[in-house]
N, C-alpha and C. Protein backbone atom coordinates (compact mmCIF):
# COMPACT_ATOMS: atom_id res chain seq x y z
N UNK A 1 -80.45 1.28 -52.01
CA UNK A 1 -80.07 2.47 -51.28
C UNK A 1 -80.32 2.28 -49.78
N UNK A 2 -81.44 1.68 -49.42
CA UNK A 2 -81.75 1.44 -48.01
C UNK A 2 -80.75 0.46 -47.42
N UNK A 3 -80.37 -0.54 -48.23
CA UNK A 3 -79.40 -1.53 -47.78
C UNK A 3 -78.07 -0.87 -47.44
N UNK A 4 -77.65 0.09 -48.26
CA UNK A 4 -76.39 0.80 -48.00
C UNK A 4 -76.48 1.60 -46.71
N UNK A 5 -77.59 2.27 -46.48
CA UNK A 5 -77.75 3.07 -45.27
C UNK A 5 -77.75 2.19 -44.03
N UNK A 6 -78.40 1.05 -44.10
CA UNK A 6 -78.44 0.12 -42.96
C UNK A 6 -77.02 -0.39 -42.67
N UNK A 7 -76.28 -0.72 -43.72
CA UNK A 7 -74.92 -1.22 -43.53
C UNK A 7 -74.02 -0.13 -42.94
N UNK A 8 -74.15 1.09 -43.44
CA UNK A 8 -73.35 2.21 -42.91
C UNK A 8 -73.68 2.43 -41.44
N UNK A 9 -74.95 2.42 -41.10
CA UNK A 9 -75.36 2.61 -39.71
C UNK A 9 -74.83 1.47 -38.83
N UNK A 10 -74.91 0.24 -39.33
CA UNK A 10 -74.43 -0.91 -38.56
C UNK A 10 -72.92 -0.81 -38.34
N UNK A 11 -72.17 -0.43 -39.37
CA UNK A 11 -70.72 -0.26 -39.23
C UNK A 11 -70.39 0.86 -38.24
N UNK A 12 -71.13 1.94 -38.29
CA UNK A 12 -70.89 3.06 -37.37
C UNK A 12 -71.17 2.62 -35.93
N UNK A 13 -72.26 1.88 -35.72
CA UNK A 13 -72.59 1.41 -34.38
C UNK A 13 -71.53 0.43 -33.89
N UNK A 14 -71.11 -0.50 -34.75
CA UNK A 14 -70.08 -1.46 -34.39
C UNK A 14 -68.78 -0.75 -34.02
N UNK A 15 -68.39 0.22 -34.83
CA UNK A 15 -67.17 0.98 -34.53
C UNK A 15 -67.28 1.73 -33.22
N UNK A 16 -68.42 2.34 -32.95
CA UNK A 16 -68.61 3.07 -31.69
C UNK A 16 -68.56 2.12 -30.50
N UNK A 17 -69.14 0.94 -30.65
CA UNK A 17 -69.11 -0.04 -29.56
C UNK A 17 -67.68 -0.49 -29.29
N UNK A 18 -66.97 -0.84 -30.35
CA UNK A 18 -65.59 -1.31 -30.18
C UNK A 18 -64.70 -0.22 -29.60
N UNK A 19 -64.80 0.97 -30.11
CA UNK A 19 -63.99 2.07 -29.58
C UNK A 19 -64.45 2.47 -28.19
N UNK A 20 -65.72 2.40 -27.92
CA UNK A 20 -66.26 2.74 -26.60
C UNK A 20 -65.77 1.80 -25.52
N UNK A 21 -65.61 0.51 -25.84
CA UNK A 21 -65.10 -0.44 -24.85
C UNK A 21 -63.69 -0.09 -24.46
N UNK A 22 -62.85 0.28 -25.41
CA UNK A 22 -61.48 0.69 -25.11
C UNK A 22 -61.44 1.94 -24.27
N UNK A 23 -62.36 2.86 -24.53
CA UNK A 23 -62.40 4.09 -23.76
C UNK A 23 -62.76 3.82 -22.32
N UNK A 24 -63.71 2.92 -22.08
CA UNK A 24 -64.11 2.61 -20.71
C UNK A 24 -62.93 2.01 -19.95
N UNK A 25 -62.19 1.10 -20.58
CA UNK A 25 -61.03 0.50 -19.93
C UNK A 25 -60.01 1.58 -19.61
N UNK A 26 -59.78 2.50 -20.53
CA UNK A 26 -58.79 3.55 -20.30
C UNK A 26 -59.21 4.44 -19.14
N UNK A 27 -60.49 4.70 -18.99
CA UNK A 27 -60.94 5.57 -17.91
C UNK A 27 -60.87 4.88 -16.56
N UNK A 28 -61.14 3.57 -16.50
CA UNK A 28 -61.10 2.86 -15.23
C UNK A 28 -59.67 2.70 -14.74
N UNK A 29 -58.82 2.14 -15.57
CA UNK A 29 -57.43 1.92 -15.18
C UNK A 29 -56.61 3.17 -15.47
N UNK A 30 -56.65 3.58 -16.69
CA UNK A 30 -55.97 4.79 -17.14
C UNK A 30 -54.46 4.67 -17.09
N UNK A 31 -53.82 5.53 -17.83
CA UNK A 31 -52.36 5.56 -17.81
C UNK A 31 -51.89 6.18 -16.50
N UNK A 32 -50.66 5.91 -16.13
CA UNK A 32 -50.16 6.52 -14.90
C UNK A 32 -50.07 8.03 -15.07
N UNK A 33 -50.24 8.78 -13.99
CA UNK A 33 -50.10 10.22 -14.10
C UNK A 33 -48.64 10.58 -14.40
N UNK A 34 -48.43 11.74 -14.97
CA UNK A 34 -47.08 12.18 -15.27
C UNK A 34 -46.32 12.41 -13.96
N UNK A 35 -45.02 12.09 -13.95
CA UNK A 35 -44.26 12.13 -12.71
C UNK A 35 -43.73 13.51 -12.33
N UNK A 36 -43.31 13.59 -11.08
CA UNK A 36 -42.59 14.75 -10.57
C UNK A 36 -41.19 14.26 -10.20
N UNK A 37 -40.17 14.95 -10.66
CA UNK A 37 -38.78 14.62 -10.36
C UNK A 37 -38.29 15.62 -9.31
N UNK A 38 -37.89 15.09 -8.16
CA UNK A 38 -37.45 15.94 -7.06
C UNK A 38 -35.93 15.92 -6.90
N UNK A 39 -35.41 17.08 -6.52
CA UNK A 39 -34.02 17.22 -6.08
C UNK A 39 -34.03 18.28 -4.99
N UNK A 40 -32.97 18.30 -4.20
CA UNK A 40 -32.94 19.33 -3.16
C UNK A 40 -31.99 19.01 -2.04
N UNK A 41 -32.31 19.58 -0.87
CA UNK A 41 -31.46 19.45 0.31
C UNK A 41 -32.26 18.83 1.45
N UNK A 42 -31.53 18.11 2.31
CA UNK A 42 -32.13 17.45 3.45
C UNK A 42 -31.49 17.97 4.73
N UNK A 43 -32.35 18.38 5.67
CA UNK A 43 -31.89 18.90 6.96
C UNK A 43 -32.45 18.03 8.07
N UNK A 44 -31.61 17.82 9.08
CA UNK A 44 -32.03 17.09 10.28
C UNK A 44 -31.80 18.01 11.47
N UNK A 45 -32.85 18.29 12.20
CA UNK A 45 -32.79 19.20 13.35
C UNK A 45 -32.18 20.55 12.95
N UNK A 46 -32.53 21.05 11.79
CA UNK A 46 -32.10 22.37 11.33
C UNK A 46 -30.73 22.42 10.70
N UNK A 47 -30.00 21.31 10.65
CA UNK A 47 -28.65 21.30 10.07
C UNK A 47 -28.62 20.37 8.86
N UNK A 48 -27.83 20.76 7.86
CA UNK A 48 -27.68 19.94 6.66
C UNK A 48 -27.23 18.54 7.06
N UNK A 49 -27.91 17.53 6.56
CA UNK A 49 -27.60 16.14 6.91
C UNK A 49 -26.26 15.76 6.30
N UNK A 50 -25.30 15.43 7.12
CA UNK A 50 -23.94 15.12 6.64
C UNK A 50 -23.74 13.64 6.35
N UNK A 51 -24.42 12.77 7.09
CA UNK A 51 -24.23 11.34 6.86
C UNK A 51 -25.07 10.89 5.66
N UNK A 52 -24.65 9.81 5.05
CA UNK A 52 -25.36 9.25 3.90
C UNK A 52 -26.65 8.59 4.39
N UNK A 53 -27.73 8.78 3.66
CA UNK A 53 -29.02 8.21 4.03
C UNK A 53 -29.83 7.93 2.77
N UNK A 54 -30.87 7.11 2.91
CA UNK A 54 -31.75 6.76 1.79
C UNK A 54 -33.08 7.49 1.94
N UNK A 55 -33.50 8.16 0.87
CA UNK A 55 -34.71 8.98 0.86
C UNK A 55 -35.72 8.39 -0.12
N UNK A 56 -36.99 8.36 0.30
CA UNK A 56 -38.07 7.94 -0.60
C UNK A 56 -39.18 8.98 -0.57
N UNK A 57 -40.03 8.92 -1.59
CA UNK A 57 -41.23 9.76 -1.63
C UNK A 57 -42.42 8.81 -1.71
N UNK A 58 -43.49 9.17 -1.00
CA UNK A 58 -44.72 8.38 -1.03
C UNK A 58 -45.85 9.25 -1.56
N UNK A 59 -46.68 8.62 -2.38
CA UNK A 59 -47.92 9.25 -2.84
C UNK A 59 -49.02 8.31 -2.39
N UNK A 60 -49.75 8.72 -1.36
CA UNK A 60 -50.74 7.82 -0.77
C UNK A 60 -50.04 6.59 -0.25
N UNK A 61 -50.46 5.39 -0.70
CA UNK A 61 -49.85 4.15 -0.24
C UNK A 61 -48.74 3.64 -1.17
N UNK A 62 -48.42 4.38 -2.21
CA UNK A 62 -47.35 4.01 -3.14
C UNK A 62 -46.03 4.62 -2.67
N UNK A 63 -44.93 3.87 -2.77
CA UNK A 63 -43.62 4.38 -2.37
C UNK A 63 -42.63 4.20 -3.51
N UNK A 64 -41.79 5.21 -3.70
CA UNK A 64 -40.80 5.21 -4.77
C UNK A 64 -39.58 4.35 -4.42
N UNK A 65 -38.73 4.20 -5.37
CA UNK A 65 -37.40 3.65 -5.11
C UNK A 65 -36.64 4.71 -4.33
N UNK A 66 -35.70 4.28 -3.54
CA UNK A 66 -34.95 5.24 -2.74
C UNK A 66 -33.79 5.83 -3.54
N UNK A 67 -33.41 7.04 -3.16
CA UNK A 67 -32.20 7.68 -3.68
C UNK A 67 -31.30 7.98 -2.49
N UNK A 68 -30.02 8.11 -2.75
CA UNK A 68 -29.05 8.36 -1.69
C UNK A 68 -28.89 9.86 -1.47
N UNK A 69 -28.93 10.25 -0.21
CA UNK A 69 -28.64 11.62 0.18
C UNK A 69 -27.17 11.66 0.57
N UNK A 70 -26.39 12.52 -0.11
CA UNK A 70 -24.97 12.65 0.20
C UNK A 70 -24.67 14.12 0.46
N UNK A 71 -24.00 14.38 1.58
CA UNK A 71 -23.67 15.76 1.98
C UNK A 71 -24.92 16.65 1.98
N UNK A 72 -26.04 16.08 2.36
CA UNK A 72 -27.27 16.83 2.50
C UNK A 72 -28.01 17.10 1.21
N UNK A 73 -27.55 16.55 0.09
CA UNK A 73 -28.19 16.81 -1.20
C UNK A 73 -28.66 15.50 -1.84
N UNK A 74 -29.72 15.61 -2.62
CA UNK A 74 -30.23 14.46 -3.35
C UNK A 74 -30.75 14.93 -4.70
N UNK A 75 -30.87 13.99 -5.62
CA UNK A 75 -31.47 14.26 -6.93
C UNK A 75 -32.05 12.97 -7.49
N UNK A 76 -32.91 13.12 -8.49
CA UNK A 76 -33.47 11.97 -9.18
C UNK A 76 -34.49 11.18 -8.40
N UNK A 77 -35.16 11.80 -7.44
CA UNK A 77 -36.22 11.13 -6.69
C UNK A 77 -37.52 11.30 -7.46
N UNK A 78 -38.08 10.20 -7.95
CA UNK A 78 -39.24 10.26 -8.84
C UNK A 78 -40.53 9.87 -8.13
N UNK A 79 -41.48 10.79 -8.13
CA UNK A 79 -42.83 10.50 -7.66
C UNK A 79 -43.65 10.20 -8.91
N UNK A 80 -43.80 8.91 -9.22
CA UNK A 80 -44.51 8.48 -10.41
C UNK A 80 -45.37 7.27 -10.11
N UNK A 81 -46.46 7.45 -9.36
CA UNK A 81 -47.30 6.31 -9.01
C UNK A 81 -47.93 5.67 -10.25
N UNK A 82 -48.39 4.41 -10.12
CA UNK A 82 -48.82 3.64 -11.27
C UNK A 82 -50.20 3.92 -11.85
N UNK A 83 -51.02 4.75 -11.23
CA UNK A 83 -52.35 4.94 -11.78
C UNK A 83 -52.98 6.26 -11.39
N UNK A 84 -54.06 6.62 -12.07
CA UNK A 84 -54.70 7.92 -11.84
C UNK A 84 -55.38 8.05 -10.48
N UNK A 85 -55.59 6.95 -9.77
CA UNK A 85 -56.23 7.05 -8.45
C UNK A 85 -55.34 7.79 -7.45
N UNK A 86 -54.06 7.98 -7.78
CA UNK A 86 -53.14 8.67 -6.87
C UNK A 86 -53.21 10.20 -7.01
N UNK A 87 -53.89 10.68 -8.03
CA UNK A 87 -54.04 12.13 -8.19
C UNK A 87 -54.85 12.66 -7.00
N UNK A 88 -54.34 13.69 -6.35
CA UNK A 88 -54.98 14.27 -5.18
C UNK A 88 -54.55 13.63 -3.86
N UNK A 89 -53.74 12.57 -3.93
CA UNK A 89 -53.24 11.91 -2.72
C UNK A 89 -52.09 12.71 -2.12
N UNK A 90 -51.84 12.57 -0.81
CA UNK A 90 -50.74 13.31 -0.18
C UNK A 90 -49.38 12.80 -0.62
N UNK A 91 -48.44 13.73 -0.79
CA UNK A 91 -47.05 13.42 -1.08
C UNK A 91 -46.27 13.64 0.21
N UNK A 92 -45.52 12.60 0.63
CA UNK A 92 -44.68 12.71 1.82
C UNK A 92 -43.29 12.17 1.49
N UNK A 93 -42.30 12.64 2.23
CA UNK A 93 -40.90 12.23 2.04
C UNK A 93 -40.43 11.53 3.30
N UNK A 94 -39.61 10.47 3.13
CA UNK A 94 -39.22 9.63 4.26
C UNK A 94 -37.75 9.28 4.21
N UNK A 95 -37.10 9.42 5.36
CA UNK A 95 -35.75 8.90 5.59
C UNK A 95 -35.92 7.79 6.61
N UNK A 96 -35.81 6.54 6.14
CA UNK A 96 -36.08 5.43 7.04
C UNK A 96 -37.51 5.53 7.54
N UNK A 97 -37.70 5.56 8.84
CA UNK A 97 -39.04 5.67 9.41
C UNK A 97 -39.45 7.08 9.76
N UNK A 98 -38.65 8.07 9.37
CA UNK A 98 -38.94 9.45 9.75
C UNK A 98 -39.52 10.21 8.56
N UNK A 99 -40.64 10.92 8.79
CA UNK A 99 -41.30 11.69 7.73
C UNK A 99 -40.88 13.15 7.81
N UNK A 100 -40.65 13.75 6.65
CA UNK A 100 -40.30 15.17 6.58
C UNK A 100 -41.51 16.03 6.92
N UNK A 101 -41.25 17.25 7.35
CA UNK A 101 -42.35 18.17 7.66
C UNK A 101 -43.03 18.67 6.38
N UNK A 102 -42.32 18.66 5.25
CA UNK A 102 -42.88 19.13 3.97
C UNK A 102 -43.90 18.12 3.45
N UNK A 103 -45.05 18.62 3.05
CA UNK A 103 -46.11 17.79 2.46
C UNK A 103 -46.68 18.52 1.25
N UNK A 104 -47.24 17.76 0.36
CA UNK A 104 -47.87 18.33 -0.82
C UNK A 104 -48.98 17.39 -1.25
N UNK A 105 -49.62 17.69 -2.36
CA UNK A 105 -50.66 16.85 -2.93
C UNK A 105 -50.28 16.54 -4.36
N UNK A 106 -50.45 15.28 -4.78
CA UNK A 106 -50.05 14.88 -6.12
C UNK A 106 -51.04 15.45 -7.14
N UNK A 107 -50.53 16.28 -8.09
CA UNK A 107 -51.41 16.94 -9.06
C UNK A 107 -51.58 16.16 -10.35
N UNK A 108 -52.59 16.52 -11.11
CA UNK A 108 -52.74 16.05 -12.48
C UNK A 108 -51.92 17.01 -13.33
N UNK A 109 -50.88 16.50 -13.97
CA UNK A 109 -49.96 17.35 -14.72
C UNK A 109 -50.17 17.23 -16.22
N UNK A 110 -49.91 18.31 -16.94
CA UNK A 110 -49.95 18.29 -18.39
C UNK A 110 -48.62 17.86 -18.99
N UNK A 111 -47.56 17.95 -18.18
CA UNK A 111 -46.23 17.50 -18.59
C UNK A 111 -45.45 17.16 -17.32
N UNK A 112 -44.42 16.31 -17.43
CA UNK A 112 -43.64 15.99 -16.24
C UNK A 112 -43.07 17.27 -15.62
N UNK A 113 -42.89 17.25 -14.32
CA UNK A 113 -42.43 18.44 -13.60
C UNK A 113 -41.16 18.11 -12.82
N UNK A 114 -40.30 19.10 -12.69
CA UNK A 114 -39.12 18.99 -11.86
C UNK A 114 -39.25 20.01 -10.74
N UNK A 115 -39.03 19.59 -9.49
CA UNK A 115 -39.16 20.49 -8.36
C UNK A 115 -37.95 20.38 -7.45
N UNK A 116 -37.54 21.52 -6.94
CA UNK A 116 -36.49 21.55 -5.93
C UNK A 116 -37.15 21.79 -4.59
N UNK A 117 -36.79 20.95 -3.60
CA UNK A 117 -37.41 21.05 -2.28
C UNK A 117 -36.34 21.06 -1.19
N UNK A 118 -36.69 21.68 -0.09
CA UNK A 118 -35.87 21.65 1.12
C UNK A 118 -36.65 20.82 2.13
N UNK A 119 -36.09 19.68 2.50
CA UNK A 119 -36.79 18.76 3.38
C UNK A 119 -36.22 18.84 4.79
N UNK A 120 -37.09 19.07 5.76
CA UNK A 120 -36.73 19.16 7.17
C UNK A 120 -37.21 17.91 7.89
N UNK A 121 -36.29 17.27 8.61
CA UNK A 121 -36.63 16.08 9.39
C UNK A 121 -36.27 16.32 10.85
N UNK A 122 -37.06 15.72 11.75
CA UNK A 122 -36.65 15.66 13.15
C UNK A 122 -35.45 14.72 13.18
N UNK A 123 -34.85 14.52 14.28
CA UNK A 123 -33.62 13.73 14.38
C UNK A 123 -33.70 12.46 13.53
N UNK A 124 -32.70 12.28 12.68
CA UNK A 124 -32.64 11.13 11.78
C UNK A 124 -31.46 10.25 12.16
N UNK A 125 -31.72 8.98 12.38
CA UNK A 125 -30.64 8.03 12.67
C UNK A 125 -30.06 7.56 11.35
N UNK A 126 -28.77 7.63 11.18
CA UNK A 126 -28.10 7.26 9.93
C UNK A 126 -28.28 5.79 9.59
N UNK A 127 -28.61 4.96 10.58
CA UNK A 127 -28.73 3.53 10.33
C UNK A 127 -30.13 3.11 9.90
N UNK A 128 -31.07 4.04 9.85
CA UNK A 128 -32.44 3.69 9.47
C UNK A 128 -32.48 3.14 8.06
N UNK A 129 -33.11 2.02 7.87
CA UNK A 129 -33.20 1.37 6.56
C UNK A 129 -34.53 1.69 5.90
N UNK A 130 -34.51 2.09 4.63
CA UNK A 130 -35.77 2.36 3.92
C UNK A 130 -36.41 1.06 3.46
N UNK A 131 -37.69 1.13 3.14
CA UNK A 131 -38.35 0.00 2.53
C UNK A 131 -38.16 0.13 1.02
N UNK A 132 -37.63 -0.93 0.40
CA UNK A 132 -37.43 -0.90 -1.05
C UNK A 132 -38.75 -1.11 -1.76
N UNK A 133 -38.87 -0.47 -2.93
CA UNK A 133 -40.05 -0.69 -3.76
C UNK A 133 -40.02 -2.13 -4.24
N UNK A 134 -41.16 -2.76 -4.31
CA UNK A 134 -41.21 -4.15 -4.75
C UNK A 134 -40.93 -4.24 -6.24
N UNK A 135 -40.35 -5.36 -6.70
CA UNK A 135 -40.06 -5.52 -8.13
C UNK A 135 -41.31 -5.46 -8.99
N UNK A 136 -42.47 -5.82 -8.41
CA UNK A 136 -43.71 -5.79 -9.18
C UNK A 136 -44.05 -4.37 -9.64
N UNK A 137 -43.65 -3.37 -8.87
CA UNK A 137 -43.98 -2.00 -9.23
C UNK A 137 -43.31 -1.58 -10.53
N UNK A 138 -42.10 -2.13 -10.80
CA UNK A 138 -41.41 -1.77 -12.04
C UNK A 138 -42.24 -2.14 -13.25
N UNK A 139 -42.80 -3.36 -13.26
CA UNK A 139 -43.58 -3.79 -14.42
C UNK A 139 -44.93 -3.09 -14.46
N UNK A 140 -45.49 -2.74 -13.33
CA UNK A 140 -46.80 -2.07 -13.30
C UNK A 140 -46.72 -0.72 -13.98
N UNK A 141 -45.60 -0.01 -13.83
CA UNK A 141 -45.47 1.32 -14.41
C UNK A 141 -45.55 1.29 -15.93
N UNK A 142 -45.08 0.21 -16.56
CA UNK A 142 -45.07 0.15 -18.02
C UNK A 142 -46.38 -0.35 -18.61
N UNK A 143 -47.14 -1.12 -17.87
CA UNK A 143 -48.34 -1.76 -18.41
C UNK A 143 -49.41 -0.76 -18.86
N UNK A 144 -49.79 0.25 -18.07
CA UNK A 144 -50.84 1.14 -18.54
C UNK A 144 -50.48 1.87 -19.82
N UNK A 145 -49.21 2.27 -19.98
CA UNK A 145 -48.81 2.96 -21.20
C UNK A 145 -48.92 2.02 -22.40
N UNK A 146 -48.52 0.76 -22.20
CA UNK A 146 -48.62 -0.21 -23.28
C UNK A 146 -50.08 -0.46 -23.64
N UNK A 147 -50.94 -0.55 -22.63
CA UNK A 147 -52.36 -0.76 -22.89
C UNK A 147 -52.95 0.43 -23.65
N UNK A 148 -52.59 1.63 -23.24
CA UNK A 148 -53.08 2.83 -23.92
C UNK A 148 -52.59 2.86 -25.37
N UNK A 149 -51.32 2.56 -25.58
CA UNK A 149 -50.78 2.55 -26.94
C UNK A 149 -51.48 1.49 -27.79
N UNK A 150 -51.76 0.33 -27.19
CA UNK A 150 -52.47 -0.71 -27.91
C UNK A 150 -53.89 -0.30 -28.29
N UNK A 151 -54.57 0.38 -27.36
CA UNK A 151 -55.93 0.84 -27.66
C UNK A 151 -55.92 1.89 -28.77
N UNK A 152 -54.95 2.81 -28.72
CA UNK A 152 -54.87 3.84 -29.75
C UNK A 152 -54.56 3.22 -31.12
N UNK A 153 -53.60 2.30 -31.13
CA UNK A 153 -53.24 1.65 -32.40
C UNK A 153 -54.42 0.83 -32.92
N UNK A 154 -55.07 0.08 -32.04
CA UNK A 154 -56.23 -0.72 -32.44
C UNK A 154 -57.36 0.15 -32.96
N UNK A 155 -57.60 1.27 -32.30
CA UNK A 155 -58.64 2.20 -32.76
C UNK A 155 -58.32 2.77 -34.12
N UNK A 156 -57.04 3.12 -34.34
CA UNK A 156 -56.63 3.68 -35.63
C UNK A 156 -56.80 2.64 -36.74
N UNK A 157 -56.40 1.41 -36.46
CA UNK A 157 -56.56 0.34 -37.45
C UNK A 157 -58.04 0.11 -37.75
N UNK A 158 -58.88 0.09 -36.72
CA UNK A 158 -60.30 -0.10 -36.92
C UNK A 158 -60.89 1.00 -37.80
N UNK A 159 -60.52 2.24 -37.56
CA UNK A 159 -61.03 3.35 -38.36
C UNK A 159 -60.61 3.19 -39.82
N UNK A 160 -59.36 2.81 -40.07
CA UNK A 160 -58.88 2.63 -41.45
C UNK A 160 -59.63 1.49 -42.13
N UNK A 161 -59.77 0.36 -41.43
CA UNK A 161 -60.46 -0.79 -42.01
C UNK A 161 -61.91 -0.46 -42.32
N UNK A 162 -62.60 0.18 -41.39
CA UNK A 162 -63.99 0.55 -41.63
C UNK A 162 -64.11 1.56 -42.77
N UNK A 163 -63.18 2.48 -42.85
CA UNK A 163 -63.20 3.48 -43.91
C UNK A 163 -63.01 2.83 -45.28
N UNK A 164 -62.05 1.93 -45.39
CA UNK A 164 -61.79 1.24 -46.66
C UNK A 164 -63.00 0.39 -47.03
N UNK A 165 -63.56 -0.34 -46.08
CA UNK A 165 -64.72 -1.20 -46.35
C UNK A 165 -65.90 -0.38 -46.81
N UNK A 166 -66.12 0.76 -46.16
CA UNK A 166 -67.24 1.62 -46.51
C UNK A 166 -67.07 2.20 -47.92
N UNK A 167 -65.86 2.64 -48.25
CA UNK A 167 -65.60 3.18 -49.60
C UNK A 167 -65.84 2.12 -50.66
N UNK A 168 -65.34 0.92 -50.42
CA UNK A 168 -65.52 -0.17 -51.40
C UNK A 168 -67.00 -0.50 -51.57
N UNK A 169 -67.71 -0.54 -50.47
CA UNK A 169 -69.12 -0.86 -50.52
C UNK A 169 -69.91 0.22 -51.27
N UNK A 170 -69.60 1.49 -51.00
CA UNK A 170 -70.33 2.57 -51.66
C UNK A 170 -69.98 2.68 -53.14
N UNK A 171 -68.78 2.30 -53.51
CA UNK A 171 -68.36 2.36 -54.91
C UNK A 171 -68.81 1.15 -55.70
N UNK A 172 -69.28 0.10 -55.02
CA UNK A 172 -69.69 -1.12 -55.72
C UNK A 172 -71.03 -0.99 -56.38
């Protein structure tokens, strides 16, 4: 009887250690925060921007892929930085080297959000070129979700294996 209790305690401690290590990794890196999808209108010097331009959103030091502004309207601009450290960082919008007067703070969301914004810019030159997001950012966005899914699946498998082993041991 004592042997069974020691084994059960050892399995419980081992399971807690293994699951605890995954939890620590998830808290340090964590999955990316849920994104905000922006659409809206762009004004330059108080007038709807008529020329075509490239618009980006920045959250702290992270910058999105650009979207095209046509006839003063844009859609599909995604603020989806790669990690939880961006929560609470400033959100800014940029046409080339010009920053919009509208600012916000990146929130911790319970679900993805869609927002319509009116962006005001000081004089914007139509020839201003945006900085493209680096190709590395594309793969970074998928990695935390894959790691989280792997930890969850691994934890579930561990619980099932420990449960089956414990049942067999107690029934023996």
